[in-house]
Amino acid sequence: MSAPATESPRVTQAAVASAFGAMFLWGLNYSFAKMAVEEIDPLAVALVRVLVATPLFFLALARDGNARFTLADLKMALPLGLSGVLANQIFFITGIHRTTPSHSSLVVALLPITVLLLANRMLGERLTTMKTLGMLVALAGILLISLGDGWTFSREFLTGDFLTFCGVCAFAYYTVAGRTLVPRFGALRASALAFLIGGAAMLPFVAPAALRQDWSGVTRSGWTGLAYVVLIGTVACYFLYYWALGRIESGKVAAFMYLQPVVAGVTSYLLLGETLRGHFLLGGAAILSGVWLAERG
């Protein structure tokens, strides 16, 4: 399924810019999230995300007089909330605690390919040669970055990798399912309903951690990280991602996901003083080339 015929080239370009913006901001999110989870339980962070993001989405809808919803709307948005908010966040949070950053980045890199296959199966989006080649080139770049940091195997890591991949599959389904619902609901409404459903379902899993958290001991750094994760990494990024998804193919939107390790690495270098090695620079060049190819598929 291609972009709707009514969309002009300028709107399509804006959608590409929106997808790039979401991935760029999500790439920055890794460093800010690290600042947050060093002081705050990750499950408590997940709760704050939904408790703050959901009302903000509906307040934005209320400004246009569009905050009302029906039981039928909730039923249609149910797969989005359960996959993109509940399953995605829970699997990623529990998975990352049981594996290494290099393992996690490689597993997450399977997302665009998973989206491509699901979109072909569910929506009939074409698996073009250029699109597939771009995905593989970008994946090779991820491999170069990840394997350059070392790769080890253990039962603990394999469990974490599997949980992370479950999160990848959940977000891939969220992406593809949203491709059909966003044109009907709009990006903001679809995001709001997804967070309302996912947040309600998540509450029993994350509330105990939030109650145990010593919020008085959180420093300015922790609050800064949490603010970015909630306001930018959640509200802004989910909206930009779904806005783009309503206008260009799922596979093309997901291809931008490959940019996250590059942005995250550069941000870590600038904010956290981490070293950028040769394998990272070569891998980053391959990722950028792969995304360029995929967008022309």
Protein backbone atom coordinates (compact mmCIF):
# COMPACT_ATOMS: atom_id res chain seq x y z
CA MET A 1 0.00 0.00 0.00
CA SER A 2 1.53 3.30 -1.05
CA ALA A 3 0.89 6.77 0.29
CA PRO A 4 -2.66 7.92 -0.33
CA ALA A 5 -3.22 9.35 -3.78
CA THR A 6 -4.59 12.59 -2.31
CA GLU A 7 -1.28 13.38 -0.61
CA SER A 8 0.94 15.86 -2.50
CA PRO A 9 4.72 15.39 -2.85
CA ARG A 10 5.16 18.21 -0.34
CA VAL A 11 3.05 16.36 2.24
CA THR A 12 5.01 13.17 1.59
CA GLN A 13 8.27 15.08 2.13
CA ALA A 14 6.84 16.45 5.38
CA ALA A 15 5.98 12.89 6.44
CA VAL A 16 9.55 11.77 5.75
CA ALA A 17 10.80 14.73 7.82
CA SER A 18 8.37 13.76 10.58
CA ALA A 19 9.65 10.15 10.60
CA PHE A 20 13.24 11.39 10.68
CA GLY A 21 12.39 13.77 13.52
CA ALA A 22 10.82 10.99 15.58
CA MET A 23 13.83 8.72 15.15
CA PHE A 24 16.29 11.54 15.86
CA LEU A 25 14.51 12.44 19.09
CA TRP A 26 14.20 8.74 20.03
CA GLY A 27 17.93 8.42 19.42
CA LEU A 28 18.55 11.21 21.94
CA ASN A 29 16.14 9.46 24.29
CA TYR A 30 18.64 6.68 25.11
CA SER A 31 20.99 9.05 26.92
CA PHE A 32 18.20 10.84 28.78
CA ALA A 33 16.55 7.53 29.67
CA LYS A 34 19.86 6.34 31.09
CA MET A 35 19.96 9.45 33.28
CA ALA A 36 16.43 8.68 34.50
CA VAL A 37 16.73 4.94 35.21
CA GLU A 38 19.97 5.40 37.14
CA GLU A 39 17.82 6.98 39.86
CA ILE A 40 14.26 5.81 39.12
CA ASP A 41 12.92 2.27 38.76
CA PRO A 42 12.28 1.63 35.03
CA LEU A 43 8.75 0.39 35.78
CA ALA A 44 8.07 3.62 37.68
CA VAL A 45 9.33 5.54 34.63
CA ALA A 46 6.88 3.59 32.47
CA LEU A 47 4.01 4.56 34.78
CA VAL A 48 4.93 8.24 34.73
CA ARG A 49 5.08 8.11 30.93
CA VAL A 50 1.49 6.95 30.58
CA LEU A 51 0.12 9.05 33.46
CA VAL A 52 1.53 12.25 31.95
CA ALA A 53 1.31 11.47 28.23
CA THR A 54 -2.31 10.30 28.19
CA PRO A 55 -3.86 13.50 29.63
CA LEU A 56 -1.62 15.62 27.38
CA PHE A 57 -2.86 13.79 24.29
CA PHE A 58 -6.49 14.29 25.32
CA LEU A 59 -5.92 17.95 26.26
CA ALA A 60 -4.58 18.53 22.77
CA LEU A 61 -7.67 16.81 21.35
CA ALA A 62 -9.95 18.88 23.58
CA ARG A 63 -8.61 22.10 22.06
CA ASP A 64 -10.18 20.98 18.78
CA GLY A 65 -13.32 19.67 20.46
CA ASN A 66 -12.36 16.12 19.50
CA ALA A 67 -11.67 14.49 22.88
CA ARG A 68 -14.82 12.36 22.98
CA PHE A 69 -14.64 8.70 22.10
CA THR A 70 -16.99 5.76 21.93
CA LEU A 71 -16.79 2.14 22.98
CA ALA A 72 -16.39 1.29 19.30
CA ASP A 73 -13.35 3.60 19.11
CA LEU A 74 -11.77 1.87 22.11
CA LYS A 75 -12.41 -1.52 20.57
CA MET A 76 -10.72 -0.49 17.33
CA ALA A 77 -7.74 1.03 19.18
CA LEU A 78 -7.37 -1.93 21.56
CA PRO A 79 -4.63 -3.65 19.47
CA LEU A 80 -2.63 -0.40 19.41
CA GLY A 81 -2.71 0.05 23.18
CA LEU A 82 -1.91 -3.56 23.99
CA SER A 83 0.92 -3.83 21.44
CA GLY A 84 2.50 -0.37 21.22
CA VAL A 85 2.19 0.72 24.84
CA LEU A 86 1.68 -2.27 27.17
CA ALA A 87 3.62 -5.09 25.49
CA ASN A 88 6.29 -2.93 23.87
CA GLN A 89 7.27 -1.12 27.06
CA ILE A 90 7.06 -4.11 29.40
CA PHE A 91 9.06 -6.42 27.11
CA PHE A 92 11.73 -3.82 26.41
CA ILE A 93 12.12 -2.85 30.07
CA THR A 94 12.42 -6.43 31.30
CA GLY A 95 14.53 -7.50 28.32
CA ILE A 96 17.14 -4.76 28.54
CA HIS A 97 17.78 -5.65 32.20
CA ARG A 98 18.73 -9.19 31.13
CA THR A 99 21.03 -8.47 28.21
CA THR A 100 23.82 -6.15 27.08
CA PRO A 101 23.54 -2.89 25.08
CA SER A 102 25.23 -4.51 22.07
CA HIS A 103 22.78 -7.41 22.11
CA SER A 104 19.84 -5.06 22.58
CA SER A 105 20.81 -2.75 19.71
CA LEU A 106 21.14 -5.70 17.34
CA VAL A 107 17.78 -7.17 18.35
CA VAL A 108 16.05 -3.79 18.03
CA ALA A 109 17.59 -3.47 14.57
CA LEU A 110 15.32 -6.31 13.46
CA LEU A 111 12.30 -3.98 13.79
CA PRO A 112 12.30 -2.49 10.26
CA ILE A 113 12.61 -5.91 8.67
CA THR A 114 9.86 -7.26 10.92
CA VAL A 115 7.64 -4.32 9.92
CA LEU A 116 8.45 -4.88 6.25
CA LEU A 117 7.39 -8.53 6.43
CA LEU A 118 4.25 -7.81 8.49
CA ALA A 119 3.22 -4.96 6.18
CA ASN A 120 3.63 -7.22 3.17
CA ARG A 121 1.53 -9.90 4.84
CA MET A 122 -1.18 -7.70 6.40
CA LEU A 123 -1.35 -4.71 4.06
CA GLY A 124 0.09 -5.97 0.80
CA GLU A 125 2.96 -3.45 0.77
CA ARG A 126 5.47 -4.42 -1.90
CA LEU A 127 8.84 -5.98 -1.02
CA THR A 128 10.85 -4.11 -3.65
CA THR A 129 14.47 -4.95 -4.39
CA MET A 130 15.68 -1.46 -3.43
CA LYS A 131 13.74 -1.48 -0.15
CA THR A 132 15.02 -4.93 0.82
CA LEU A 133 18.60 -4.04 -0.15
CA GLY A 134 18.44 -0.87 1.93
CA MET A 135 17.20 -2.79 4.96
CA LEU A 136 20.03 -5.33 4.64
CA VAL A 137 22.72 -2.66 4.21
CA ALA A 138 21.47 -0.81 7.27
CA LEU A 139 21.30 -4.07 9.25
CA ALA A 140 24.92 -4.75 8.28
CA GLY A 141 25.80 -1.36 9.76
CA ILE A 142 24.03 -2.28 13.00
CA LEU A 143 25.95 -5.57 13.07
CA LEU A 144 29.23 -3.72 12.65
CA ILE A 145 28.43 -1.35 15.51
CA SER A 146 27.14 -4.10 17.81
CA LEU A 147 29.79 -6.73 17.18
CA GLY A 148 32.54 -4.16 17.52
CA ASP A 149 31.57 -3.87 21.18
CA GLY A 150 31.82 -7.60 21.70
CA TRP A 151 29.29 -10.42 21.65
CA THR A 152 28.90 -13.08 24.31
CA PHE A 153 26.37 -15.81 24.87
CA SER A 154 24.75 -17.00 28.08
CA ARG A 155 21.34 -18.20 29.16
CA GLU A 156 20.73 -14.87 30.89
CA PHE A 157 21.50 -12.87 27.76
CA LEU A 158 19.44 -15.15 25.53
CA THR A 159 16.43 -14.63 27.80
CA GLY A 160 16.88 -10.87 27.60
CA ASP A 161 17.32 -11.03 23.83
CA PHE A 162 14.12 -13.03 23.48
CA LEU A 163 12.14 -10.59 25.62
CA THR A 164 13.56 -7.67 23.64
CA PHE A 165 12.55 -9.35 20.39
CA CYS A 166 9.03 -9.77 21.79
CA GLY A 167 9.04 -6.01 22.27
CA VAL A 168 10.21 -5.59 18.68
CA CYS A 169 7.35 -7.75 17.41
CA ALA A 170 4.86 -5.80 19.53
CA PHE A 171 6.00 -2.44 18.16
CA ALA A 172 6.10 -3.83 14.63
CA TYR A 173 2.46 -4.86 14.95
CA TYR A 174 1.66 -1.45 16.44
CA THR A 175 3.24 0.17 13.39
CA VAL A 176 1.43 -1.95 10.81
CA ALA A 177 -1.95 -1.90 12.58
CA GLY A 178 -1.68 1.85 12.93
CA ARG A 179 -1.21 2.23 9.18
CA THR A 180 -4.89 1.40 8.68
CA LEU A 181 -6.27 3.23 11.74
CA VAL A 182 -4.35 6.51 11.63
CA PRO A 183 -6.06 7.75 8.44
CA ARG A 184 -9.41 7.16 10.17
CA PHE A 185 -8.60 8.47 13.66
CA GLY A 186 -5.76 10.90 12.98
CA ALA A 187 -2.30 10.62 14.54
CA LEU A 188 -3.15 12.47 17.76
CA ARG A 189 -6.41 10.59 18.43
CA ALA A 190 -4.84 7.20 17.66
CA SER A 191 -1.95 7.94 20.04
CA ALA A 192 -4.32 9.14 22.78
CA LEU A 193 -6.53 6.07 22.60
CA ALA A 194 -3.51 3.75 22.48
CA PHE A 195 -2.05 5.30 25.63
CA LEU A 196 -5.40 5.28 27.42
CA ILE A 197 -5.84 1.56 26.77
CA GLY A 198 -2.19 0.57 27.22
CA GLY A 199 -1.80 2.68 30.35
CA ALA A 200 -4.86 1.17 32.00
CA ALA A 201 -3.65 -2.35 31.19
CA MET A 202 -0.12 -1.53 32.39
CA LEU A 203 -1.16 -0.15 35.78
CA PRO A 204 -1.13 -3.45 37.76
CA PHE A 205 2.38 -4.26 36.47
CA VAL A 206 4.06 -0.92 37.23
CA ALA A 207 2.16 0.65 40.15
CA PRO A 208 4.03 -1.32 42.89
CA ALA A 209 7.41 -0.09 41.59
CA ALA A 210 6.18 3.52 41.54
CA LEU A 211 4.91 3.21 45.13
CA ARG A 212 8.28 1.83 46.30
CA GLN A 213 10.25 4.56 44.54
CA ASP A 214 11.93 7.18 46.76
CA TRP A 215 10.96 10.23 44.70
CA SER A 216 12.48 12.65 47.22
CA GLY A 217 15.94 11.24 46.45
CA VAL A 218 15.78 11.92 42.71
CA THR A 219 18.31 14.58 41.66
CA ARG A 220 17.98 17.28 38.99
CA SER A 221 19.69 14.96 36.52
CA GLY A 222 17.11 12.25 37.12
CA TRP A 223 14.19 14.66 36.76
CA THR A 224 15.69 16.08 33.56
CA GLY A 225 16.01 12.62 32.09
CA LEU A 226 12.46 11.73 33.12
CA ALA A 227 11.07 14.97 31.66
CA TYR A 228 12.70 14.27 28.30
CA VAL A 229 11.53 10.65 28.26
CA VAL A 230 7.94 11.67 28.98
CA LEU A 231 7.49 14.89 27.01
CA ILE A 232 9.80 14.33 24.05
CA GLY A 233 10.50 10.58 23.91
CA THR A 234 6.83 9.76 24.44
CA VAL A 235 4.40 12.57 23.55
CA ALA A 236 6.31 14.23 20.70
CA CYS A 237 7.82 11.07 19.21
CA TYR A 238 4.67 8.96 19.20
CA PHE A 239 2.76 11.78 17.51
CA LEU A 240 5.44 12.38 14.87
CA TYR A 241 5.76 8.65 14.21
CA TYR A 242 2.03 8.15 13.71
CA TRP A 243 1.66 11.34 11.68
CA ALA A 244 4.26 10.01 9.25
CA LEU A 245 2.69 6.56 9.31
CA GLY A 246 -0.61 7.95 8.04
CA ARG A 247 1.09 9.31 4.93
CA ILE A 248 3.87 6.95 3.80
CA GLU A 249 4.38 3.17 3.80
CA SER A 250 4.99 1.34 7.07
CA GLY A 251 8.30 -0.10 5.85
CA LYS A 252 9.64 3.31 4.89
CA VAL A 253 8.71 4.82 8.26
CA ALA A 254 10.29 1.90 10.12
CA ALA A 255 13.49 2.18 8.06
CA PHE A 256 14.28 5.38 9.94
CA MET A 257 14.53 3.26 13.11
CA TYR A 258 18.04 2.36 11.93
CA LEU A 259 19.11 5.96 12.59
CA GLN A 260 18.58 5.61 16.33
CA PRO A 261 21.92 3.89 17.15
CA VAL A 262 23.79 6.57 15.19
CA VAL A 263 22.04 9.42 16.99
CA ALA A 264 22.36 7.62 20.33
CA GLY A 265 26.09 7.06 19.81
CA VAL A 266 26.80 10.66 18.86
CA THR A 267 24.69 11.89 21.79
CA SER A 268 26.56 9.60 24.20
CA TYR A 269 29.80 11.05 22.85
CA LEU A 270 28.62 14.64 23.34
CA LEU A 271 26.74 14.28 26.64
CA LEU A 272 28.35 11.30 28.37
CA GLY A 273 31.92 11.42 27.05
CA GLU A 274 31.83 7.98 25.42
CA THR A 275 34.33 7.26 22.63
CA LEU A 276 33.33 6.97 18.96
CA ARG A 277 35.45 4.18 17.44
CA GLY A 278 36.15 3.32 13.83
CA HIS A 279 33.62 0.49 13.66
CA PHE A 280 30.90 2.89 14.83
CA LEU A 281 31.70 5.43 12.12
CA LEU A 282 31.75 2.77 9.39
CA GLY A 283 28.55 1.21 10.71
CA GLY A 284 26.90 4.62 10.87
CA ALA A 285 27.80 5.30 7.23
CA ALA A 286 26.29 1.93 6.24
CA ILE A 287 23.10 2.70 8.18
CA LEU A 288 22.66 6.08 6.50
CA SER A 289 23.25 4.51 3.08
CA GLY A 290 20.76 1.74 3.82
CA VAL A 291 18.04 4.17 4.90
CA TRP A 292 18.66 6.25 1.75
CA LEU A 293 18.21 3.12 -0.40
CA ALA A 294 15.10 1.96 1.47
CA GLU A 295 13.41 5.34 1.05
CA ARG A 296 13.84 5.04 -2.71
CA GLY A 297 12.23 1.61 -2.80
